[in-house]
C-alpha cells in the first residue's frame, strides 16, 4: 500500500530505512536546510526553505504561492509506487500541512473535510500550517473548504515533536 509519511527531522533516517520512500519533501527554515539523505535520489527530493509562520509579515521566509506550486507539482510527479516522505523540524505543522495539501490534490474536490478528519485521527498532534493551507486552497480552487476543514480539526494535542504518521492513499484505509 502506498502512502504519504509525515515525520520530524529527527526520524528521517529511521523512516527511510524502514519504509524506503521513493520521494521526499523537506520543509525547513532556509538556514536549517539539509542535504539529501542516503536512500533518497537527489532528483526525488524537494527542499522548500520556509519558516513555520502563519503571517507573512513575521518572518524572512514565509510560505508563498511559489512554494505551494512547487509542492503540488512535485506531488503530481510522484507515481505512488513507493511512499513519499514529508518532514519538517517537528513533524507537526509544515509537514502535516504539506501532506494534507498533497492528499487534497490527489483525491480531488469535495474531500477536504474527510481528509482533515483522517489527518486528525492518524496524527492527534497535527497542526497544519494555516498559511500553507490557505495558499493551497486558492491554488487548487477549493473555495475555502481546505482552510475551513483544517480550522475545524483545531490545534491538536500539544507535543514537542510528532511521531511517524502513515497516510494511506486508499480512501477507505484513511
Protein backbone atom coordinates (compact mmCIF):
# COMPACT_ATOMS: atom_id res chain seq x y z
CA UNK A 1 0.00 0.00 0.00
CA UNK A 2 1.43 3.37 -0.96
CA UNK A 3 1.23 6.28 1.41
CA UNK A 4 2.45 9.66 2.48
CA UNK A 5 4.60 9.55 5.60
CA UNK A 6 4.97 12.51 7.94
CA UNK A 7 7.89 12.67 10.36
CA UNK A 8 10.01 15.11 12.31
CA UNK A 9 13.57 15.76 11.16
CA UNK A 10 14.93 13.51 13.93
CA UNK A 11 13.14 10.45 12.45
CA UNK A 12 14.01 10.70 8.76
CA UNK A 13 16.91 8.22 8.78
CA UNK A 14 14.86 5.57 10.58
CA UNK A 15 11.84 6.23 8.37
CA UNK A 16 13.91 5.94 5.19
CA UNK A 17 15.39 2.62 6.37
CA UNK A 18 12.00 1.20 7.37
CA UNK A 19 9.73 2.42 4.53
CA UNK A 20 12.16 3.05 1.63
CA UNK A 21 10.33 6.09 0.21
CA UNK A 22 10.92 6.98 -3.43
CA UNK A 23 10.33 10.71 -2.86
CA UNK A 24 10.93 13.15 -0.04
CA UNK A 25 9.81 16.68 0.82
CA UNK A 26 11.83 18.75 3.29
CA UNK A 27 10.21 21.86 4.78
CA UNK A 28 12.76 23.66 6.93
CA UNK A 29 13.87 27.21 7.53
CA UNK A 30 16.47 28.15 4.88
CA UNK A 31 19.25 28.32 7.47
CA UNK A 32 18.49 24.76 8.64
CA UNK A 33 18.10 23.12 5.22
CA UNK A 34 19.56 19.63 4.91
CA UNK A 35 21.22 17.78 2.06
CA UNK A 36 19.53 14.76 0.52
CA UNK A 37 19.98 11.84 2.92
CA UNK A 38 21.29 8.43 1.83
CA UNK A 39 18.49 6.26 0.47
CA UNK A 40 16.78 9.08 -1.43
CA UNK A 41 17.61 10.07 -5.00
CA UNK A 42 18.51 13.80 -5.11
CA UNK A 43 16.12 14.45 -8.04
CA UNK A 44 13.30 12.96 -5.93
CA UNK A 45 13.94 15.33 -3.01
CA UNK A 46 12.03 18.62 -2.89
CA UNK A 47 13.59 21.09 -0.48
CA UNK A 48 11.44 24.09 0.45
CA UNK A 49 13.12 26.72 2.61
CA UNK A 50 10.21 28.21 4.54
CA UNK A 51 9.66 29.32 8.11
CA UNK A 52 6.76 27.94 10.11
CA UNK A 53 4.79 31.17 10.31
CA UNK A 54 1.15 31.99 9.64
CA UNK A 55 1.54 35.68 8.81
CA UNK A 56 3.95 36.68 6.02
CA UNK A 57 4.81 39.86 7.95
CA UNK A 58 6.50 37.82 10.69
CA UNK A 59 9.45 36.17 9.02
CA UNK A 60 12.03 36.28 6.30
CA UNK A 61 10.87 33.11 4.52
CA UNK A 62 7.10 32.72 4.82
CA UNK A 63 5.23 30.06 2.85
CA UNK A 64 4.33 31.59 -0.52
CA UNK A 65 2.48 30.68 -3.72
CA UNK A 66 5.68 29.55 -5.43
CA UNK A 67 6.41 27.07 -2.61
CA UNK A 68 2.93 25.58 -2.77
CA UNK A 69 3.08 25.43 -6.59
CA UNK A 70 6.37 23.51 -6.35
CA UNK A 71 4.91 21.17 -3.71
CA UNK A 72 1.82 20.39 -5.79
CA UNK A 73 3.89 19.90 -8.95
CA UNK A 74 6.26 17.57 -7.11
CA UNK A 75 3.34 15.56 -5.73
CA UNK A 76 1.85 15.21 -9.20
CA UNK A 77 5.18 13.81 -10.41
CA UNK A 78 5.19 11.10 -7.73
CA UNK A 79 3.86 7.81 -9.15
CA UNK A 80 2.98 6.45 -5.68
CA UNK A 81 4.70 3.10 -6.30
CA UNK A 82 6.61 3.69 -3.05
CA UNK A 83 5.89 6.02 -0.12
CA UNK A 84 6.51 9.76 -0.17
CA UNK A 85 8.18 11.10 2.99
CA UNK A 86 7.30 14.62 4.15
CA UNK A 87 9.12 16.15 7.10
CA UNK A 88 9.72 19.44 8.85
CA UNK A 89 11.56 20.23 12.06
CA UNK A 90 8.98 18.74 14.48
CA UNK A 91 6.55 16.89 12.19
CA UNK A 92 3.63 18.96 13.45
CA UNK A 93 2.87 22.00 11.27
CA UNK A 94 4.59 22.45 7.89
CA UNK A 95 4.80 18.73 7.16
CA UNK A 96 1.20 17.98 8.12
CA UNK A 97 0.06 20.93 6.00
CA UNK A 98 2.08 19.64 3.05
CA UNK A 99 0.70 16.11 3.44
CA UNK A 100 -2.85 17.46 3.67
CA UNK A 101 -2.30 19.58 0.54
CA UNK A 102 -0.90 16.62 -1.39
CA UNK A 103 -3.82 14.41 -0.33
CA UNK A 104 -6.40 17.06 -1.23
CA UNK A 105 -4.83 17.44 -4.67
CA UNK A 106 -4.68 13.67 -5.23
CA UNK A 107 -8.23 12.96 -4.03
CA UNK A 108 -9.82 15.98 -5.73
CA UNK A 109 -12.53 18.48 -4.76
CA UNK A 110 -15.07 17.51 -2.12
CA UNK A 111 -12.67 15.51 0.08
CA UNK A 112 -11.35 18.37 2.22
CA UNK A 113 -13.27 17.69 5.44
CA UNK A 114 -12.89 13.92 5.30
CA UNK A 115 -9.14 14.24 4.76
CA UNK A 116 -8.75 16.74 7.62
CA UNK A 117 -10.64 14.37 9.94
CA UNK A 118 -8.48 11.44 8.77
CA UNK A 119 -5.36 13.51 9.43
CA UNK A 120 -6.59 14.26 12.96
CA UNK A 121 -7.35 10.55 13.63
CA UNK A 122 -3.91 9.44 12.47
CA UNK A 123 -1.99 12.42 13.88
CA UNK A 124 -3.55 13.76 17.08
CA UNK A 125 -0.62 16.21 17.28
CA UNK A 126 -1.12 17.67 13.78
CA UNK A 127 -1.49 21.44 13.50
CA UNK A 128 -1.29 22.07 9.74
CA UNK A 129 0.25 25.45 8.95
CA UNK A 130 -2.82 27.61 8.16
CA UNK A 131 -0.97 29.90 5.73
CA UNK A 132 0.22 26.96 3.62
CA UNK A 133 -3.30 25.54 3.57
CA UNK A 134 -4.86 28.91 2.66
CA UNK A 135 -2.47 29.33 -0.27
CA UNK A 136 -3.16 25.78 -1.48
CA UNK A 137 -6.89 26.32 -1.08
CA UNK A 138 -6.71 29.25 -3.50
CA UNK A 139 -4.28 27.46 -5.83
CA UNK A 140 -6.48 24.38 -6.06
CA UNK A 141 -9.70 26.42 -6.30
CA UNK A 142 -11.32 24.90 -3.22
CA UNK A 143 -13.32 27.98 -2.23
CA UNK A 144 -12.15 27.99 1.39
CA UNK A 145 -13.03 24.35 2.08
CA UNK A 146 -9.45 23.29 2.85
CA UNK A 147 -8.88 26.20 5.23
CA UNK A 148 -12.24 25.61 6.93
CA UNK A 149 -11.56 21.88 7.35
CA UNK A 150 -8.17 22.50 8.96
CA UNK A 151 -9.66 25.15 11.25
CA UNK A 152 -12.41 22.66 12.19
CA UNK A 153 -9.94 20.00 13.41
CA UNK A 154 -8.26 22.57 15.64
CA UNK A 155 -4.86 22.72 17.26
CA UNK A 156 -4.49 19.10 18.28
CA UNK A 157 -2.55 17.63 21.17
CA UNK A 158 0.40 19.82 22.07
CA UNK A 159 3.70 17.93 21.82
CA UNK A 160 7.31 18.96 21.32
CA UNK A 161 7.72 16.59 18.39
CA UNK A 162 5.39 14.41 16.34
CA UNK A 163 5.76 10.74 15.55
CA UNK A 164 5.82 8.98 12.20
CA UNK A 165 2.34 9.14 10.66
CA UNK A 166 1.16 6.91 7.82
CA UNK A 167 -1.44 8.41 5.47
CA UNK A 168 -2.56 5.71 3.01
CA UNK A 169 -3.65 6.70 -0.48
CA UNK A 170 -6.72 4.44 -0.31
CA UNK A 171 -9.68 6.46 0.94
CA UNK A 172 -11.18 3.53 2.86
CA UNK A 173 -7.85 2.98 4.66
CA UNK A 174 -7.70 6.57 5.91
